[in-house]
Amino acid sequence: MKSNEVVYPKSASWAGPIALLAAAGAAGLWLWRTHSAYVPLGPAVGLLVLTAALGVVWLYRVRTARHLFVAWDVYAKQELARAERRLHSASVTSARAFSQSSV
């Protein structure tokens, strides 16, 4: 029988973490450059907060996707086991009916 196994998407795609790391690096560079000068730090702090918020959302979505895939796998295994039981009980019933009709 051919396997219907699904290849799940990579939970840690590199685009998300690299973008967040680049944003955090830009904010850190901005803060380092403005350390001795009087420049409003609002944009840099805002960038750090935005990076943290996006990181939390990204991790939440990855976790949710993992849970969803696990739930689908459990459901599929239950359905396969149920189908196997039905197949087995149907073959036993038909064999029993065949043996009684031939007597």
N, C-alpha and C. Protein backbone atom coordinates (compact mmCIF):
# COMPACT_ATOMS: atom_id res chain seq x y z
N MET A 1 0.84 -1.17 0.00
CA MET A 1 0.00 0.00 0.00
C MET A 1 0.88 1.24 0.00
N LYS A 2 0.51 2.21 -0.76
CA LYS A 2 1.28 3.44 -0.86
C LYS A 2 1.01 4.32 0.36
N SER A 3 2.05 4.94 0.87
CA SER A 3 1.90 5.78 2.06
C SER A 3 1.32 7.13 1.69
N ASN A 4 0.39 7.60 2.50
CA ASN A 4 -0.20 8.92 2.31
C ASN A 4 0.39 9.93 3.29
N GLU A 5 1.57 9.65 3.75
CA GLU A 5 2.20 10.53 4.73
C GLU A 5 2.40 11.92 4.14
N VAL A 6 2.07 12.91 4.91
CA VAL A 6 2.17 14.29 4.46
C VAL A 6 3.44 14.90 5.03
N VAL A 7 4.14 15.63 4.21
CA VAL A 7 5.31 16.35 4.68
C VAL A 7 4.85 17.70 5.19
N TYR A 8 5.03 17.92 6.48
CA TYR A 8 4.57 19.16 7.09
C TYR A 8 5.55 20.28 6.79
N PRO A 9 5.05 21.51 6.76
CA PRO A 9 5.96 22.62 6.53
C PRO A 9 6.93 22.76 7.70
N LYS A 10 8.08 23.26 7.41
CA LYS A 10 9.07 23.45 8.46
C LYS A 10 8.54 24.46 9.46
N SER A 11 8.53 24.07 10.73
CA SER A 11 7.99 24.97 11.75
C SER A 11 8.92 26.15 11.99
N ALA A 12 10.18 25.97 11.68
CA ALA A 12 11.13 27.05 11.89
C ALA A 12 11.66 27.51 10.54
N SER A 13 10.77 28.10 9.73
CA SER A 13 11.25 28.63 8.46
C SER A 13 12.24 29.75 8.76
N TRP A 14 13.20 29.88 7.93
CA TRP A 14 14.29 30.81 8.23
C TRP A 14 13.92 32.26 7.97
N ALA A 15 12.89 32.52 7.21
CA ALA A 15 12.55 33.91 6.89
C ALA A 15 12.11 34.68 8.13
N GLY A 16 11.27 34.07 8.95
CA GLY A 16 10.76 34.75 10.15
C GLY A 16 11.85 35.10 11.14
N PRO A 17 12.63 34.11 11.60
CA PRO A 17 13.68 34.43 12.56
C PRO A 17 14.74 35.38 12.03
N ILE A 18 15.08 35.27 10.74
CA ILE A 18 16.09 36.17 10.18
C ILE A 18 15.56 37.60 10.14
N ALA A 19 14.31 37.77 9.75
CA ALA A 19 13.72 39.11 9.72
C ALA A 19 13.65 39.72 11.13
N LEU A 20 13.25 38.90 12.10
CA LEU A 20 13.20 39.41 13.48
C LEU A 20 14.59 39.74 14.00
N LEU A 21 15.56 38.93 13.68
CA LEU A 21 16.93 39.20 14.11
C LEU A 21 17.47 40.46 13.45
N ALA A 22 17.15 40.66 12.18
CA ALA A 22 17.60 41.87 11.49
C ALA A 22 16.95 43.11 12.10
N ALA A 23 15.66 43.04 12.42
CA ALA A 23 14.99 44.18 13.04
C ALA A 23 15.57 44.48 14.42
N ALA A 24 15.83 43.44 15.20
CA ALA A 24 16.44 43.64 16.51
C ALA A 24 17.85 44.20 16.38
N GLY A 25 18.60 43.73 15.39
CA GLY A 25 19.93 44.27 15.15
C GLY A 25 19.90 45.73 14.74
N ALA A 26 18.93 46.08 13.89
CA ALA A 26 18.80 47.48 13.48
C ALA A 26 18.45 48.36 14.68
N ALA A 27 17.56 47.87 15.54
CA ALA A 27 17.20 48.65 16.73
C ALA A 27 18.39 48.76 17.67
N GLY A 28 19.13 47.69 17.83
CA GLY A 28 20.32 47.74 18.68
C GLY A 28 21.37 48.68 18.13
N LEU A 29 21.58 48.66 16.82
CA LEU A 29 22.54 49.58 16.20
C LEU A 29 22.09 51.03 16.37
N TRP A 30 20.80 51.25 16.20
CA TRP A 30 20.26 52.60 16.39
C TRP A 30 20.49 53.08 17.83
N LEU A 31 20.20 52.22 18.79
CA LEU A 31 20.40 52.60 20.20
C LEU A 31 21.87 52.84 20.50
N TRP A 32 22.76 52.04 19.93
CA TRP A 32 24.18 52.20 20.17
C TRP A 32 24.70 53.51 19.57
N ARG A 33 24.23 53.83 18.36
CA ARG A 33 24.67 55.05 17.69
C ARG A 33 24.16 56.31 18.38
N THR A 34 22.99 56.24 18.97
CA THR A 34 22.40 57.43 19.60
C THR A 34 22.68 57.50 21.09
N HIS A 35 23.55 56.66 21.58
CA HIS A 35 23.82 56.62 23.01
C HIS A 35 24.40 57.93 23.53
N SER A 36 25.27 58.56 22.78
CA SER A 36 25.91 59.78 23.27
C SER A 36 25.26 61.05 22.74
N ALA A 37 24.40 60.95 21.77
CA ALA A 37 23.76 62.13 21.19
C ALA A 37 22.32 62.21 21.68
N TYR A 38 21.80 63.44 21.63
CA TYR A 38 20.41 63.63 22.01
C TYR A 38 19.55 63.41 20.77
N VAL A 39 19.07 62.24 20.61
CA VAL A 39 18.19 61.88 19.50
C VAL A 39 17.02 61.13 20.14
N PRO A 40 15.81 61.40 19.70
CA PRO A 40 14.68 60.67 20.28
C PRO A 40 14.82 59.16 20.08
N LEU A 41 14.71 58.45 21.16
CA LEU A 41 14.89 57.00 21.10
C LEU A 41 13.58 56.27 20.80
N GLY A 42 12.52 56.99 20.58
CA GLY A 42 11.21 56.39 20.31
C GLY A 42 11.21 55.40 19.16
N PRO A 43 11.76 55.78 18.00
CA PRO A 43 11.75 54.81 16.89
C PRO A 43 12.52 53.52 17.20
N ALA A 44 13.65 53.65 17.88
CA ALA A 44 14.43 52.45 18.20
C ALA A 44 13.72 51.57 19.21
N VAL A 45 13.17 52.19 20.23
CA VAL A 45 12.43 51.42 21.23
C VAL A 45 11.18 50.80 20.60
N GLY A 46 10.52 51.58 19.75
CA GLY A 46 9.35 51.05 19.04
C GLY A 46 9.71 49.86 18.17
N LEU A 47 10.86 49.91 17.51
CA LEU A 47 11.31 48.80 16.68
C LEU A 47 11.60 47.56 17.54
N LEU A 48 12.19 47.77 18.71
CA LEU A 48 12.44 46.64 19.61
C LEU A 48 11.13 46.02 20.10
N VAL A 49 10.17 46.88 20.46
CA VAL A 49 8.87 46.38 20.93
C VAL A 49 8.16 45.64 19.80
N LEU A 50 8.19 46.20 18.59
CA LEU A 50 7.57 45.54 17.45
C LEU A 50 8.22 44.19 17.16
N THR A 51 9.53 44.14 17.26
CA THR A 51 10.25 42.88 17.05
C THR A 51 9.84 41.84 18.09
N ALA A 52 9.76 42.26 19.34
CA ALA A 52 9.35 41.33 20.39
C ALA A 52 7.92 40.84 20.16
N ALA A 53 7.03 41.74 19.80
CA ALA A 53 5.64 41.36 19.56
C ALA A 53 5.53 40.39 18.38
N LEU A 54 6.24 40.67 17.30
CA LEU A 54 6.21 39.77 16.15
C LEU A 54 6.81 38.41 16.48
N GLY A 55 7.85 38.40 17.30
CA GLY A 55 8.45 37.14 17.73
C GLY A 55 7.47 36.30 18.54
N VAL A 56 6.73 36.93 19.44
CA VAL A 56 5.75 36.21 20.24
C VAL A 56 4.63 35.66 19.35
N VAL A 57 4.15 36.48 18.42
CA VAL A 57 3.09 36.02 17.51
C VAL A 57 3.59 34.87 16.65
N TRP A 58 4.80 34.98 16.13
CA TRP A 58 5.37 33.93 15.30
C TRP A 58 5.49 32.62 16.08
N LEU A 59 6.00 32.68 17.32
CA LEU A 59 6.12 31.47 18.13
C LEU A 59 4.75 30.87 18.45
N TYR A 60 3.76 31.71 18.68
CA TYR A 60 2.40 31.22 18.95
C TYR A 60 1.85 30.49 17.73
N ARG A 61 2.06 31.05 16.55
CA ARG A 61 1.56 30.42 15.34
C ARG A 61 2.25 29.09 15.07
N VAL A 62 3.55 29.01 15.33
CA VAL A 62 4.29 27.75 15.14
C VAL A 62 3.76 26.70 16.10
N ARG A 63 3.56 27.09 17.35
CA ARG A 63 3.05 26.15 18.34
C ARG A 63 1.64 25.67 17.98
N THR A 64 0.81 26.58 17.54
CA THR A 64 -0.55 26.22 17.14
C THR A 64 -0.54 25.27 15.95
N ALA A 65 0.32 25.52 14.98
CA ALA A 65 0.41 24.64 13.82
C ALA A 65 0.86 23.24 14.22
N ARG A 66 1.83 23.17 15.13
CA ARG A 66 2.28 21.86 15.60
C ARG A 66 1.14 21.10 16.27
N HIS A 67 0.40 21.80 17.12
CA HIS A 67 -0.72 21.14 17.81
C HIS A 67 -1.78 20.67 16.81
N LEU A 68 -2.04 21.48 15.80
CA LEU A 68 -3.03 21.12 14.79
C LEU A 68 -2.59 19.87 14.03
N PHE A 69 -1.33 19.80 13.63
CA PHE A 69 -0.83 18.64 12.91
C PHE A 69 -0.86 17.39 13.79
N VAL A 70 -0.56 17.54 15.07
CA VAL A 70 -0.62 16.39 15.98
C VAL A 70 -2.06 15.91 16.11
N ALA A 71 -3.00 16.84 16.23
CA ALA A 71 -4.42 16.46 16.33
C ALA A 71 -4.87 15.74 15.06
N TRP A 72 -4.46 16.20 13.90
CA TRP A 72 -4.82 15.53 12.65
C TRP A 72 -4.22 14.14 12.59
N ASP A 73 -2.98 13.99 13.05
CA ASP A 73 -2.35 12.66 13.05
C ASP A 73 -3.09 11.70 13.96
N VAL A 74 -3.46 12.17 15.15
CA VAL A 74 -4.19 11.31 16.08
C VAL A 74 -5.54 10.90 15.48
N TYR A 75 -6.24 11.85 14.89
CA TYR A 75 -7.53 11.55 14.27
C TYR A 75 -7.36 10.53 13.13
N ALA A 76 -6.35 10.71 12.32
CA ALA A 76 -6.12 9.78 11.20
C ALA A 76 -5.81 8.38 11.71
N LYS A 77 -5.01 8.28 12.77
CA LYS A 77 -4.69 6.96 13.32
C LYS A 77 -5.94 6.30 13.90
N GLN A 78 -6.80 7.08 14.54
CA GLN A 78 -8.04 6.52 15.07
C GLN A 78 -8.95 6.02 13.95
N GLU A 79 -9.03 6.80 12.88
CA GLU A 79 -9.86 6.39 11.75
C GLU A 79 -9.30 5.13 11.07
N LEU A 80 -8.00 5.04 10.95
CA LEU A 80 -7.40 3.84 10.36
C LEU A 80 -7.66 2.62 11.24
N ALA A 81 -7.55 2.79 12.56
CA ALA A 81 -7.82 1.68 13.47
C ALA A 81 -9.29 1.27 13.38
N ARG A 82 -10.19 2.24 13.29
CA ARG A 82 -11.62 1.94 13.17
C ARG A 82 -11.91 1.20 11.87
N ALA A 83 -11.30 1.64 10.78
CA ALA A 83 -11.50 0.97 9.49
C ALA A 83 -10.94 -0.44 9.53
N GLU A 84 -9.82 -0.64 10.20
CA GLU A 84 -9.23 -1.98 10.32
C GLU A 84 -10.16 -2.90 11.11
N ARG A 85 -10.76 -2.37 12.18
CA ARG A 85 -11.69 -3.19 12.97
C ARG A 85 -12.92 -3.55 12.15
N ARG A 86 -13.43 -2.57 11.38
CA ARG A 86 -14.60 -2.85 10.54
C ARG A 86 -14.28 -3.91 9.50
N LEU A 87 -13.12 -3.80 8.87
CA LEU A 87 -12.71 -4.76 7.86
C LEU A 87 -12.59 -6.15 8.46
N HIS A 88 -12.00 -6.22 9.64
CA HIS A 88 -11.82 -7.52 10.30
C HIS A 88 -13.17 -8.12 10.69
N SER A 89 -14.06 -7.31 11.26
CA SER A 89 -15.36 -7.84 11.68
C SER A 89 -16.21 -8.22 10.46
N ALA A 90 -16.10 -7.49 9.36
CA ALA A 90 -16.84 -7.82 8.15
C ALA A 90 -16.36 -9.14 7.56
N SER A 91 -15.06 -9.39 7.58
CA SER A 91 -14.55 -10.64 7.03
C SER A 91 -14.92 -11.82 7.91
N VAL A 92 -14.95 -11.63 9.22
CA VAL A 92 -15.35 -12.71 10.13
C VAL A 92 -16.83 -13.02 9.93
N THR A 93 -17.66 -11.98 9.80
CA THR A 93 -19.09 -12.17 9.61
C THR A 93 -19.38 -12.87 8.29
N SER A 94 -18.71 -12.48 7.22
CA SER A 94 -18.95 -13.11 5.92
C SER A 94 -18.44 -14.54 5.91
N ALA A 95 -17.36 -14.82 6.60
CA ALA A 95 -16.84 -16.19 6.66
C ALA A 95 -17.80 -17.05 7.46
N ARG A 96 -18.37 -16.50 8.53
CA ARG A 96 -19.32 -17.24 9.33
C ARG A 96 -20.59 -17.53 8.53
N ALA A 97 -21.08 -16.55 7.78
CA ALA A 97 -22.27 -16.74 6.96
C ALA A 97 -22.02 -17.76 5.86
N PHE A 98 -20.85 -17.73 5.26
CA PHE A 98 -20.51 -18.68 4.21
C PHE A 98 -20.45 -20.09 4.75
N SER A 99 -19.88 -20.28 5.94
CA SER A 99 -19.75 -21.62 6.52
C SER A 99 -21.12 -22.17 6.93
N GLN A 100 -22.03 -21.30 7.38
CA GLN A 100 -23.36 -21.78 7.77
C GLN A 100 -24.21 -22.11 6.55
N SER A 101 -24.03 -21.39 5.44
CA SER A 101 -24.85 -21.65 4.27
C SER A 101 -24.43 -22.94 3.57
N SER A 102 -23.22 -23.36 3.72
CA SER A 102 -22.76 -24.55 3.03
C SER A 102 -23.12 -25.83 3.78
N VAL A 103 -23.57 -25.70 5.03
CA VAL A 103 -23.90 -26.89 5.81
C VAL A 103 -25.24 -27.43 5.49
